[in-house]
Amino acid sequence: MAGGKSTPKKDKMIKISGGEAVKKGQILVRGLSCYKAGVNVKGINTMHAVCDGKVVFTKKKTRLGKLRTFISVIP
């Protein structure tokens, strides 16, 4: 297609998978609002690590019964 519209965007995605080591300030997720910030993570759409450690993905139920995926960094 003209203009490269057939290729998906590469900037909105998970940058680090679970269990990987990260450094302070490293971007974990960019442009995805379906993930929530957990412990030692800051940001809403672009989340980054507050400290060095390992990335952990956890699923928790909210008060309303919906499942949410939280991204945390364990030092």
PDB file of N, CA and C in Angstrom:
ATOM      1  N   MET A   1       0.832  -1.182   0.000  1.00  0.00           N
ATOM      2  CA  MET A   1       0.000   0.000   0.000  1.00  0.00           C
ATOM      3  C   MET A   1       0.875   1.243   0.000  1.00  0.00           C
ATOM      4  N   ALA A   2       0.312   2.307  -0.468  1.00  0.00           N
ATOM      5  CA  ALA A   2       1.062   3.557  -0.568  1.00  0.00           C
ATOM      6  C   ALA A   2       1.267   4.180   0.804  1.00  0.00           C
ATOM      7  N   GLY A   3       2.443   4.701   1.027  1.00  0.00           N
ATOM      8  CA  GLY A   3       2.720   5.413   2.275  1.00  0.00           C
ATOM      9  C   GLY A   3       3.067   4.517   3.440  1.00  0.00           C
ATOM     10  N   GLY A   4       3.207   3.220   3.218  1.00  0.00           N
ATOM     11  CA  GLY A   4       3.587   2.321   4.306  1.00  0.00           C
ATOM     12  C   GLY A   4       2.491   2.092   5.329  1.00  0.00           C
ATOM     13  N   LYS A   5       1.240   2.217   4.947  1.00  0.00           N
ATOM     14  CA  LYS A   5       0.128   2.077   5.892  1.00  0.00           C
ATOM     15  C   LYS A   5      -0.146   0.624   6.270  1.00  0.00           C
ATOM     16  N   SER A   6       0.396  -0.332   5.514  1.00  0.00           N
ATOM     17  CA  SER A   6       0.094  -1.731   5.797  1.00  0.00           C
ATOM     18  C   SER A   6       0.947  -2.299   6.932  1.00  0.00           C
ATOM     19  N   THR A   7       2.043  -1.632   7.286  1.00  0.00           N
ATOM     20  CA  THR A   7       2.900  -2.137   8.355  1.00  0.00           C
ATOM     21  C   THR A   7       2.426  -1.602   9.698  1.00  0.00           C
ATOM     22  N   PRO A   8       2.406  -2.441  10.720  1.00  0.00           N
ATOM     23  CA  PRO A   8       1.953  -1.972  12.035  1.00  0.00           C
ATOM     24  C   PRO A   8       2.986  -1.061  12.688  1.00  0.00           C
ATOM     25  N   LYS A   9       2.519  -0.189  13.549  1.00  0.00           N
ATOM     26  CA  LYS A   9       3.414   0.705  14.282  1.00  0.00           C
ATOM     27  C   LYS A   9       4.271  -0.108  15.236  1.00  0.00           C
ATOM     28  N   LYS A  10       5.528   0.280  15.373  1.00  0.00           N
ATOM     29  CA  LYS A  10       6.438  -0.453  16.237  1.00  0.00           C
ATOM     30  C   LYS A  10       6.722   0.285  17.532  1.00  0.00           C
ATOM     31  N   ASP A  11       6.218   1.496  17.672  1.00  0.00           N
ATOM     32  CA  ASP A  11       6.535   2.257  18.874  1.00  0.00           C
ATOM     33  C   ASP A  11       5.596   1.942  20.030  1.00  0.00           C
ATOM     34  N   LYS A  12       4.389   1.458  19.771  1.00  0.00           N
ATOM     35  CA  LYS A  12       3.435   1.133  20.834  1.00  0.00           C
ATOM     36  C   LYS A  12       3.506  -0.355  21.137  1.00  0.00           C
ATOM     37  N   MET A  13       4.291  -0.708  22.146  1.00  0.00           N
ATOM     38  CA  MET A  13       4.450  -2.117  22.458  1.00  0.00           C
ATOM     39  C   MET A  13       5.159  -2.284  23.792  1.00  0.00           C
ATOM     40  N   ILE A  14       5.243  -3.529  24.243  1.00  0.00           N
ATOM     41  CA  ILE A  14       6.003  -3.863  25.443  1.00  0.00           C
ATOM     42  C   ILE A  14       7.469  -3.932  25.041  1.00  0.00           C
ATOM     43  N   LYS A  15       8.308  -3.197  25.739  1.00  0.00           N
ATOM     44  CA  LYS A  15       9.735  -3.159  25.412  1.00  0.00           C
ATOM     45  C   LYS A  15      10.527  -4.215  26.181  1.00  0.00           C
ATOM     46  N   ILE A  16      10.068  -4.584  27.382  1.00  0.00           N
ATOM     47  CA  ILE A  16      10.768  -5.533  28.243  1.00  0.00           C
ATOM     48  C   ILE A  16       9.791  -6.639  28.632  1.00  0.00           C
ATOM     49  N   SER A  17      10.220  -7.887  28.554  1.00  0.00           N
ATOM     50  CA  SER A  17       9.347  -8.991  28.955  1.00  0.00           C
ATOM     51  C   SER A  17       9.590  -9.361  30.410  1.00  0.00           C
ATOM     52  N   GLY A  18       8.735 -10.199  30.963  1.00  0.00           N
ATOM     53  CA  GLY A  18       8.826 -10.593  32.362  1.00  0.00           C
ATOM     54  C   GLY A  18      10.080 -11.389  32.667  1.00  0.00           C
ATOM     55  N   GLY A  19      10.707 -11.080  33.805  1.00  0.00           N
ATOM     56  CA  GLY A  19      11.904 -11.782  34.225  1.00  0.00           C
ATOM     57  C   GLY A  19      13.203 -11.148  33.766  1.00  0.00           C
ATOM     58  N   GLU A  20      13.133 -10.155  32.885  1.00  0.00           N
ATOM     59  CA  GLU A  20      14.345  -9.498  32.397  1.00  0.00           C
ATOM     60  C   GLU A  20      14.843  -8.471  33.403  1.00  0.00           C
ATOM     61  N   ALA A  21      16.150  -8.261  33.419  1.00  0.00           N
ATOM     62  CA  ALA A  21      16.758  -7.259  34.294  1.00  0.00           C
ATOM     63  C   ALA A  21      16.662  -5.887  33.629  1.00  0.00           C
ATOM     64  N   VAL A  22      16.322  -4.868  34.424  1.00  0.00           N
ATOM     65  CA  VAL A  22      16.217  -3.502  33.916  1.00  0.00           C
ATOM     66  C   VAL A  22      17.050  -2.565  34.776  1.00  0.00           C
ATOM     67  N   LYS A  23      17.381  -1.420  34.197  1.00  0.00           N
ATOM     68  CA  LYS A  23      18.102  -0.380  34.916  1.00  0.00           C
ATOM     69  C   LYS A  23      17.152   0.770  35.202  1.00  0.00           C
ATOM     70  N   LYS A  24      17.544   1.637  36.115  1.00  0.00           N
ATOM     71  CA  LYS A  24      16.729   2.789  36.490  1.00  0.00           C
ATOM     72  C   LYS A  24      16.502   3.681  35.270  1.00  0.00           C
ATOM     73  N   GLY A  25      15.237   4.050  35.041  1.00  0.00           N
ATOM     74  CA  GLY A  25      14.887   4.923  33.937  1.00  0.00           C
ATOM     75  C   GLY A  25      14.607   4.219  32.623  1.00  0.00           C
ATOM     76  N   GLN A  26      14.780   2.920  32.550  1.00  0.00           N
ATOM     77  CA  GLN A  26      14.554   2.180  31.313  1.00  0.00           C
ATOM     78  C   GLN A  26      13.061   2.057  31.040  1.00  0.00           C
ATOM     79  N   ILE A  27      12.674   2.241  29.781  1.00  0.00           N
ATOM     80  CA  ILE A  27      11.266   2.184  29.394  1.00  0.00           C
ATOM     81  C   ILE A  27      10.810   0.730  29.335  1.00  0.00           C
ATOM     82  N   LEU A  28       9.660   0.454  29.985  1.00  0.00           N
ATOM     83  CA  LEU A  28       9.102  -0.896  30.023  1.00  0.00           C
ATOM     84  C   LEU A  28       7.995  -1.067  28.990  1.00  0.00           C
ATOM     85  N   VAL A  29       7.070  -0.112  28.942  1.00  0.00           N
ATOM     86  CA  VAL A  29       5.931  -0.159  28.023  1.00  0.00           C
ATOM     87  C   VAL A  29       5.757   1.226  27.432  1.00  0.00           C
ATOM     88  N   ARG A  30       5.440   1.281  26.147  1.00  0.00           N
ATOM     89  CA  ARG A  30       5.226   2.573  25.511  1.00  0.00           C
ATOM     90  C   ARG A  30       3.904   2.552  24.746  1.00  0.00           C
ATOM     91  N   GLY A  31       3.012   3.460  25.108  1.00  0.00           N
ATOM     92  CA  GLY A  31       1.797   3.669  24.346  1.00  0.00           C
ATOM     93  C   GLY A  31       0.667   2.691  24.584  1.00  0.00           C
ATOM     94  N   LEU A  32       0.758   1.821  25.580  1.00  0.00           N
ATOM     95  CA  LEU A  32      -0.318   0.869  25.851  1.00  0.00           C
ATOM     96  C   LEU A  32      -0.942   1.192  27.201  1.00  0.00           C
ATOM     97  N   SER A  33      -2.218   1.523  27.207  1.00  0.00           N
ATOM     98  CA  SER A  33      -2.880   1.879  28.461  1.00  0.00           C
ATOM     99  C   SER A  33      -3.557   0.679  29.118  1.00  0.00           C
ATOM    100  N   CYS A  34      -3.396  -0.525  28.563  1.00  0.00           N
ATOM    101  CA  CYS A  34      -4.032  -1.706  29.155  1.00  0.00           C
ATOM    102  C   CYS A  34      -3.222  -2.256  30.322  1.00  0.00           C
ATOM    103  N   TYR A  35      -2.003  -1.762  30.535  1.00  0.00           N
ATOM    104  CA  TYR A  35      -1.174  -2.177  31.664  1.00  0.00           C
ATOM    105  C   TYR A  35      -1.158  -1.072  32.703  1.00  0.00           C
ATOM    106  N   LYS A  36      -1.115  -1.451  33.981  1.00  0.00           N
ATOM    107  CA  LYS A  36      -1.097  -0.491  35.084  1.00  0.00           C
ATOM    108  C   LYS A  36       0.261  -0.529  35.770  1.00  0.00           C
ATOM    109  N   ALA A  37       0.662   0.590  36.340  1.00  0.00           N
ATOM    110  CA  ALA A  37       1.951   0.684  37.025  1.00  0.00           C
ATOM    111  C   ALA A  37       1.858   0.043  38.399  1.00  0.00           C
ATOM    112  N   GLY A  38       2.804  -0.829  38.700  1.00  0.00           N
ATOM    113  CA  GLY A  38       2.864  -1.494  39.997  1.00  0.00           C
ATOM    114  C   GLY A  38       3.940  -0.866  40.863  1.00  0.00           C
ATOM    115  N   VAL A  39       4.659  -1.706  41.608  1.00  0.00           N
ATOM    116  CA  VAL A  39       5.703  -1.254  42.520  1.00  0.00           C
ATOM    117  C   VAL A  39       6.952  -0.887  41.718  1.00  0.00           C
ATOM    118  N   ASN A  40       7.561   0.239  42.061  1.00  0.00           N
ATOM    119  CA  ASN A  40       8.800   0.737  41.442  1.00  0.00           C
ATOM    120  C   ASN A  40       8.655   1.021  39.951  1.00  0.00           C
ATOM    121  N   VAL A  41       7.443   1.378  39.514  1.00  0.00           N
ATOM    122  CA  VAL A  41       7.186   1.748  38.121  1.00  0.00           C
ATOM    123  C   VAL A  41       6.390   3.044  38.122  1.00  0.00           C
ATOM    124  N   LYS A  42       6.756   3.979  37.237  1.00  0.00           N
ATOM    125  CA  LYS A  42       6.027   5.241  37.122  1.00  0.00           C
ATOM    126  C   LYS A  42       5.560   5.426  35.692  1.00  0.00           C
ATOM    127  N   GLY A  43       4.461   6.152  35.542  1.00  0.00           N
ATOM    128  CA  GLY A  43       3.945   6.481  34.228  1.00  0.00           C
ATOM    129  C   GLY A  43       2.565   5.903  34.000  1.00  0.00           C
ATOM    130  N   ILE A  44       1.897   6.424  32.971  1.00  0.00           N
ATOM    131  CA  ILE A  44       0.563   5.945  32.625  1.00  0.00           C
ATOM    132  C   ILE A  44       0.638   5.164  31.310  1.00  0.00           C
ATOM    133  N   ASN A  45       0.932   5.835  30.215  1.00  0.00           N
ATOM    134  CA  ASN A  45       1.068   5.142  28.930  1.00  0.00           C
ATOM    135  C   ASN A  45       2.508   4.727  28.667  1.00  0.00           C
ATOM    136  N   THR A  46       3.458   5.596  29.008  1.00  0.00           N
ATOM    137  CA  THR A  46       4.872   5.248  28.889  1.00  0.00           C
ATOM    138  C   THR A  46       5.382   4.976  30.289  1.00  0.00           C
ATOM    139  N   MET A  47       5.609   3.719  30.612  1.00  0.00           N
ATOM    140  CA  MET A  47       6.049   3.342  31.959  1.00  0.00           C
ATOM    141  C   MET A  47       7.543   3.094  31.966  1.00  0.00           C
ATOM    142  N   HIS A  48       8.195   3.563  33.026  1.00  0.00           N
ATOM    143  CA  HIS A  48       9.628   3.344  33.160  1.00  0.00           C
ATOM    144  C   HIS A  48       9.956   2.892  34.575  1.00  0.00           C
ATOM    145  N   ALA A  49      11.109   2.239  34.715  1.00  0.00           N
ATOM    146  CA  ALA A  49      11.540   1.683  35.997  1.00  0.00           C
ATOM    147  C   ALA A  49      12.090   2.787  36.890  1.00  0.00           C
ATOM    148  N   VAL A  50      11.753   2.729  38.181  1.00  0.00           N
ATOM    149  CA  VAL A  50      12.237   3.694  39.161  1.00  0.00           C
ATOM    150  C   VAL A  50      13.567   3.232  39.749  1.00  0.00           C
ATOM    151  N   CYS A  51      13.807   1.915  39.777  1.00  0.00           N
ATOM    152  CA  CYS A  51      15.056   1.381  40.327  1.00  0.00           C
ATOM    153  C   CYS A  51      15.514   0.193  39.481  1.00  0.00           C
ATOM    154  N   ASP A  52      16.730  -0.271  39.729  1.00  0.00           N
ATOM    155  CA  ASP A  52      17.254  -1.461  39.058  1.00  0.00           C
ATOM    156  C   ASP A  52      16.570  -2.706  39.615  1.00  0.00           C
ATOM    157  N   GLY A  53      16.372  -3.724  38.786  1.00  0.00           N
ATOM    158  CA  GLY A  53      15.780  -4.966  39.268  1.00  0.00           C
ATOM    159  C   GLY A  53      15.230  -5.815  38.137  1.00  0.00           C
ATOM    160  N   LYS A  54      14.310  -6.740  38.494  1.00  0.00           N
ATOM    161  CA  LYS A  54      13.669  -7.640  37.537  1.00  0.00           C
ATOM    162  C   LYS A  54      12.225  -7.229  37.319  1.00  0.00           C
ATOM    163  N   VAL A  55      11.744  -7.429  36.107  1.00  0.00           N
ATOM    164  CA  VAL A  55      10.368  -7.088  35.753  1.00  0.00           C
ATOM    165  C   VAL A  55       9.454  -8.265  36.073  1.00  0.00           C
ATOM    166  N   VAL A  56       8.291  -7.952  36.686  1.00  0.00           N
ATOM    167  CA  VAL A  56       7.304  -8.970  37.042  1.00  0.00           C
ATOM    168  C   VAL A  56       5.930  -8.484  36.587  1.00  0.00           C
ATOM    169  N   PHE A  57       5.200  -9.350  35.881  1.00  0.00           N
ATOM    170  CA  PHE A  57       3.826  -9.069  35.476  1.00  0.00           C
ATOM    171  C   PHE A  57       2.890  -9.840  36.399  1.00  0.00           C
ATOM    172  N   THR A  58       1.911  -9.151  36.996  1.00  0.00           N
ATOM    173  CA  THR A  58       0.933  -9.808  37.859  1.00  0.00           C
ATOM    174  C   THR A  58      -0.469  -9.387  37.439  1.00  0.00           C
ATOM    175  N   LYS A  59      -1.428 -10.293  37.617  1.00  0.00           N
ATOM    176  CA  LYS A  59      -2.829  -9.982  37.337  1.00  0.00           C
ATOM    177  C   LYS A  59      -3.574  -9.922  38.656  1.00  0.00           C
ATOM    178  N   LYS A  60      -4.338  -8.843  38.853  1.00  0.00           N
ATOM    179  CA  LYS A  60      -5.114  -8.665  40.075  1.00  0.00           C
ATOM    180  C   LYS A  60      -6.528  -8.252  39.716  1.00  0.00           C
ATOM    181  N   LYS A  61      -7.463  -8.606  40.596  1.00  0.00           N
ATOM    182  CA  LYS A  61      -8.847  -8.179  40.432  1.00  0.00           C
ATOM    183  C   LYS A  61      -9.047  -6.835  41.115  1.00  0.00           C
ATOM    184  N   THR A  62      -9.793  -5.955  40.469  1.00  0.00           N
ATOM    185  CA  THR A  62     -10.118  -4.667  41.067  1.00  0.00           C
ATOM    186  C   THR A  62     -11.365  -4.812  41.933  1.00  0.00           C
ATOM    187  N   ARG A  63     -11.784  -3.703  42.519  1.00  0.00           N
ATOM    188  CA  ARG A  63     -12.993  -3.723  43.350  1.00  0.00           C
ATOM    189  C   ARG A  63     -14.221  -4.129  42.548  1.00  0.00           C
ATOM    190  N   LEU A  64     -14.225  -3.773  41.265  1.00  0.00           N
ATOM    191  CA  LEU A  64     -15.381  -4.053  40.420  1.00  0.00           C
ATOM    192  C   LEU A  64     -15.322  -5.436  39.776  1.00  0.00           C
ATOM    193  N   GLY A  65     -14.269  -6.200  40.056  1.00  0.00           N
ATOM    194  CA  GLY A  65     -14.165  -7.558  39.549  1.00  0.00           C
ATOM    195  C   GLY A  65     -13.445  -7.702  38.226  1.00  0.00           C
ATOM    196  N   LYS A  66     -12.884  -6.609  37.698  1.00  0.00           N
ATOM    197  CA  LYS A  66     -12.158  -6.678  36.431  1.00  0.00           C
ATOM    198  C   LYS A  66     -10.714  -7.097  36.677  1.00  0.00           C
ATOM    199  N   LEU A  67     -10.160  -7.879  35.763  1.00  0.00           N
ATOM    200  CA  LEU A  67      -8.750  -8.274  35.860  1.00  0.00           C
ATOM    201  C   LEU A  67      -7.872  -7.203  35.231  1.00  0.00           C
ATOM    202  N   ARG A  68      -6.839  -6.790  35.932  1.00  0.00           N
ATOM    203  CA  ARG A  68      -5.883  -5.806  35.435  1.00  0.00           C
ATOM    204  C   ARG A  68      -4.483  -6.396  35.508  1.00  0.00           C
ATOM    205  N   THR A  69      -3.641  -6.073  34.550  1.00  0.00           N
ATOM    206  CA  THR A  69      -2.255  -6.528  34.545  1.00  0.00           C
ATOM    207  C   THR A  69      -1.367  -5.401  35.053  1.00  0.00           C
ATOM    208  N   PHE A  70      -0.624  -5.681  36.119  1.00  0.00           N
ATOM    209  CA  PHE A  70       0.278  -4.705  36.719  1.00  0.00           C
ATOM    210  C   PHE A  70       1.715  -5.075  36.386  1.00  0.00           C
ATOM    211  N   ILE A  71       2.526  -4.060  36.111  1.00  0.00           N
ATOM    212  CA  ILE A  71       3.949  -4.254  35.853  1.00  0.00           C
ATOM    213  C   ILE A  71       4.706  -3.707  37.048  1.00  0.00           C
ATOM    214  N   SER A  72       5.550  -4.547  37.657  1.00  0.00           N
ATOM    215  CA  SER A  72       6.338  -4.146  38.821  1.00  0.00           C
ATOM    216  C   SER A  72       7.803  -4.460  38.567  1.00  0.00           C
ATOM    217  N   VAL A  73       8.673  -3.759  39.307  1.00  0.00           N
ATOM    218  CA  VAL A  73      10.109  -4.025  39.262  1.00  0.00           C
ATOM    219  C   VAL A  73      10.537  -4.426  40.664  1.00  0.00           C
ATOM    220  N   ILE A  74      11.083  -5.632  40.795  1.00  0.00           N
ATOM    221  CA  ILE A  74      11.556  -6.140  42.079  1.00  0.00           C
ATOM    222  C   ILE A  74      13.060  -5.874  42.165  1.00  0.00           C
ATOM    223  N   PRO A  75      13.509  -5.070  43.164  1.00  0.00           N
ATOM    224  CA  PRO A  75      14.949  -4.759  43.260  1.00  0.00           C
ATOM    225  C   PRO A  75      15.791  -5.966  43.635  1.00  0.00           C
TER     226      PRO A  75
END
